Protein backbone atom coordinates (compact mmCIF):
# COMPACT_ATOMS: atom_id res chain seq x y z
CA UNK A 1 -55.20 95.16 190.22
CA UNK A 2 -55.83 95.47 193.97
CA UNK A 3 -57.97 98.56 193.44
CA UNK A 4 -59.86 96.66 190.78
CA UNK A 5 -60.73 93.94 193.33
CA UNK A 6 -62.19 96.50 195.72
CA UNK A 7 -64.82 97.87 193.38
CA UNK A 8 -68.47 97.34 194.22
CA UNK A 9 -69.08 95.63 190.91
CA UNK A 10 -66.31 93.15 191.55
CA UNK A 11 -67.47 92.36 195.08
CA UNK A 12 -71.05 92.01 193.88
CA UNK A 13 -69.95 89.78 191.02
CA UNK A 14 -67.93 87.57 193.36
CA UNK A 15 -70.96 87.23 195.63
CA UNK A 16 -73.13 86.28 192.64
CA UNK A 17 -70.57 83.68 191.55
CA UNK A 18 -70.37 82.21 195.06
CA UNK A 19 -74.16 81.98 195.41
CA UNK A 20 -74.52 80.56 191.92
CA UNK A 21 -71.90 77.90 192.44
CA UNK A 22 -73.40 77.00 195.82
CA UNK A 23 -76.83 76.56 194.24
CA UNK A 24 -75.37 74.46 191.44
CA UNK A 25 -73.43 72.23 193.84
CA UNK A 26 -76.44 71.74 196.12
CA UNK A 27 -78.70 71.12 193.12
CA UNK A 28 -76.36 68.38 191.87
CA UNK A 29 -77.43 66.36 194.90
CA UNK A 30 -80.85 65.93 193.28
CA UNK A 31 -81.76 64.02 190.14
CA UNK A 32 -81.09 66.19 187.09
CA UNK A 33 -83.15 64.16 184.65
CA UNK A 34 -83.13 65.09 180.97
CA UNK A 35 -84.34 68.11 179.04
CA UNK A 36 -87.52 66.20 178.22
CA UNK A 37 -88.03 64.88 181.77
CA UNK A 38 -86.37 67.43 184.05
CA UNK A 39 -85.60 66.26 187.56
CA UNK A 40 -85.73 68.22 190.81
CA UNK A 41 -82.10 69.31 190.51
CA UNK A 42 -82.24 70.68 186.97
CA UNK A 43 -83.71 74.08 187.84
CA UNK A 44 -81.37 74.98 190.74
CA UNK A 45 -78.32 73.82 188.78
CA UNK A 46 -79.35 75.82 185.70
CA UNK A 47 -80.11 78.96 187.71
CA UNK A 48 -76.92 78.57 189.73
CA UNK A 49 -74.82 78.36 186.59
CA UNK A 50 -76.68 81.31 185.09
CA UNK A 51 -76.12 83.37 188.25
CA UNK A 52 -72.41 82.52 188.25
CA UNK A 53 -72.08 83.51 184.57
CA UNK A 54 -73.91 86.78 185.24
CA UNK A 55 -71.59 87.41 188.19
CA UNK A 56 -68.62 86.94 185.91
CA UNK A 57 -70.19 89.41 183.51
CA UNK A 58 -70.62 91.94 186.32
CA UNK A 59 -66.95 91.58 187.23
CA UNK A 60 -65.74 91.91 183.63
CA UNK A 61 -67.86 94.99 182.98
CA UNK A 62 -67.10 96.55 186.38
CA UNK A 63 -66.28 100.20 186.52
CA UNK A 64 -62.87 100.81 188.14
CA UNK A 65 -63.81 104.27 189.39
CA UNK A 66 -66.48 103.02 191.79
CA UNK A 67 -64.52 101.58 194.69
CA UNK A 68 -65.94 100.73 198.08
CA UNK A 69 -65.14 103.53 200.56
CA UNK A 70 -62.64 102.59 203.25
CA UNK A 71 -64.05 102.24 206.75
CA UNK A 72 -61.29 104.37 208.28
CA UNK A 73 -61.57 107.24 205.80
CA UNK A 74 -62.87 110.44 207.41
CA UNK A 75 -66.18 111.69 206.11
CA UNK A 76 -65.79 114.74 203.92
CA UNK A 77 -68.04 117.66 204.64
CA UNK A 78 -69.34 119.36 201.56
CA UNK A 79 -70.68 122.84 201.52
CA UNK A 80 -74.08 123.40 199.94
CA UNK A 81 -73.18 124.78 196.56
CA UNK A 82 -75.35 124.93 193.45
CA UNK A 83 -73.72 121.69 192.24
CA UNK A 84 -74.36 119.78 195.48
CA UNK A 85 -77.83 121.29 195.75
CA UNK A 86 -78.68 119.84 192.34
CA UNK A 87 -77.46 116.39 193.43
CA UNK A 88 -79.44 116.68 196.67
CA UNK A 89 -82.56 117.70 194.79
CA UNK A 90 -82.36 114.53 192.71
CA UNK A 91 -82.60 112.47 195.90
CA UNK A 92 -85.79 114.19 197.07
CA UNK A 93 -89.30 114.43 195.69
CA UNK A 94 -88.61 117.95 194.46
CA UNK A 95 -90.52 119.62 197.28
CA UNK A 96 -87.75 118.97 199.80
CA UNK A 97 -89.25 115.80 201.24
CA UNK A 98 -87.09 112.70 201.16
CA UNK A 99 -89.65 110.55 199.33
CA UNK A 100 -91.65 107.60 200.57
CA UNK A 101 -90.70 106.08 203.88
CA UNK A 102 -88.80 102.81 203.62
CA UNK A 103 -91.17 101.38 206.24
CA UNK A 104 -94.16 102.33 204.11
CA UNK A 105 -92.64 100.56 201.13
CA UNK A 106 -91.76 97.50 203.20
CA UNK A 107 -95.25 97.34 204.69
CA UNK A 108 -97.12 97.51 201.39
CA UNK A 109 -94.84 95.09 199.54
CA UNK A 110 -95.12 92.54 202.36
CA UNK A 111 -98.88 93.16 202.57
CA UNK A 112 -99.11 92.48 198.84
CA UNK A 113 -97.31 89.15 199.21
CA UNK A 114 -99.46 88.17 202.19
CA UNK A 115 -102.67 89.18 200.42
CA UNK A 116 -101.69 87.11 197.41
CA UNK A 117 -101.08 84.04 199.57
CA UNK A 118 -104.36 84.48 201.45
CA UNK A 119 -106.60 85.47 198.55
CA UNK A 120 -105.55 83.14 195.74
CA UNK A 121 -107.47 80.11 197.09
CA UNK A 122 -110.54 82.28 197.67
CA UNK A 123 -110.65 84.66 194.68
CA UNK A 124 -108.57 82.83 192.09
CA UNK A 125 -105.62 84.07 190.08
CA UNK A 126 -107.39 86.63 187.87
CA UNK A 127 -108.78 88.64 190.78
CA UNK A 128 -105.88 88.17 193.21
CA UNK A 129 -103.11 89.46 190.93
CA UNK A 130 -104.60 92.96 190.41
CA UNK A 131 -105.29 93.26 194.14
CA UNK A 132 -101.69 92.35 194.92
CA UNK A 133 -100.39 94.78 192.31
CA UNK A 134 -102.62 97.51 193.76
CA UNK A 135 -101.33 96.89 197.27
CA UNK A 136 -97.71 96.87 196.14
CA UNK A 137 -98.22 100.09 194.20
CA UNK A 138 -99.27 101.84 197.41
CA UNK A 139 -95.62 101.66 198.44
CA UNK A 140 -95.09 104.66 196.16
CA UNK A 141 -97.48 107.54 196.90
CA UNK A 142 -96.95 108.87 193.36
CA UNK A 143 -98.45 105.81 191.66
CA UNK A 144 -101.54 106.54 189.60
CA UNK A 145 -104.62 104.29 189.62
CA UNK A 146 -105.13 103.80 185.88
CA UNK A 147 -101.60 102.52 185.07
CA UNK A 148 -101.70 100.34 188.20
CA UNK A 149 -105.04 98.85 187.14
CA UNK A 150 -103.77 98.20 183.61
CA UNK A 151 -100.61 96.61 184.97
CA UNK A 152 -102.63 94.40 187.32
CA UNK A 153 -104.97 93.25 184.57
CA UNK A 154 -102.10 92.63 182.17
CA UNK A 155 -100.19 90.61 184.75
CA UNK A 156 -103.34 88.64 185.58
CA UNK A 157 -103.77 87.73 181.93
CA UNK A 158 -100.08 86.91 181.51
CA UNK A 159 -99.83 84.75 184.64
CA UNK A 160 -103.04 82.94 183.72
CA UNK A 161 -101.72 82.22 180.25
CA UNK A 162 -98.32 81.04 181.48
CA UNK A 163 -99.20 79.01 184.56
CA UNK A 164 -102.67 77.65 183.86
CA UNK A 165 -102.84 77.40 180.07
CA UNK A 166 -99.15 76.99 179.22
CA UNK A 167 -97.85 74.87 182.11
CA UNK A 168 -101.16 73.24 182.97
CA UNK A 169 -100.98 74.00 186.71
CA UNK A 170 -104.13 73.19 188.64
CA UNK A 171 -105.12 76.64 189.83
CA UNK A 172 -108.50 78.38 190.01
CA UNK A 173 -108.73 81.36 187.71
CA UNK A 174 -111.92 82.73 189.28
CA UNK A 175 -113.80 81.97 192.52
């Protein structure tokens, strides 16, 4: 049982449960309202409970063979064999490079969020969403323009339908 409690899935599930319960307890401090007239606390309580239930699911479906490595355990050196070379090749782009830089990814994702915040009052939702998707896609140098454009247009249509038409939020669709 002790080994079971040291698995990554179990630790992650416990963290999810703790965060979910914290959100639910904090959300209870606000008015919950009813299902017809939801109060400010309804959403955090519902999401907190959902997160806690998902955390429990992660724990129950945890894989016992994936334990967290001990801090004091010596690092094992592995010789480069055909088996380890295959595993190493899966972690690279295939040409030996290690893939996109984490700083590149961080920069473009943050730039996408910033661009969305700055451009939505100027360009409206329909034009801002594809621009943000395009910026975020630059985090991966392998992304292709046509699928990115289709994704951006599809998300623009979906967000417009959900937030402006469905929920009735006051938001400009176009400049």
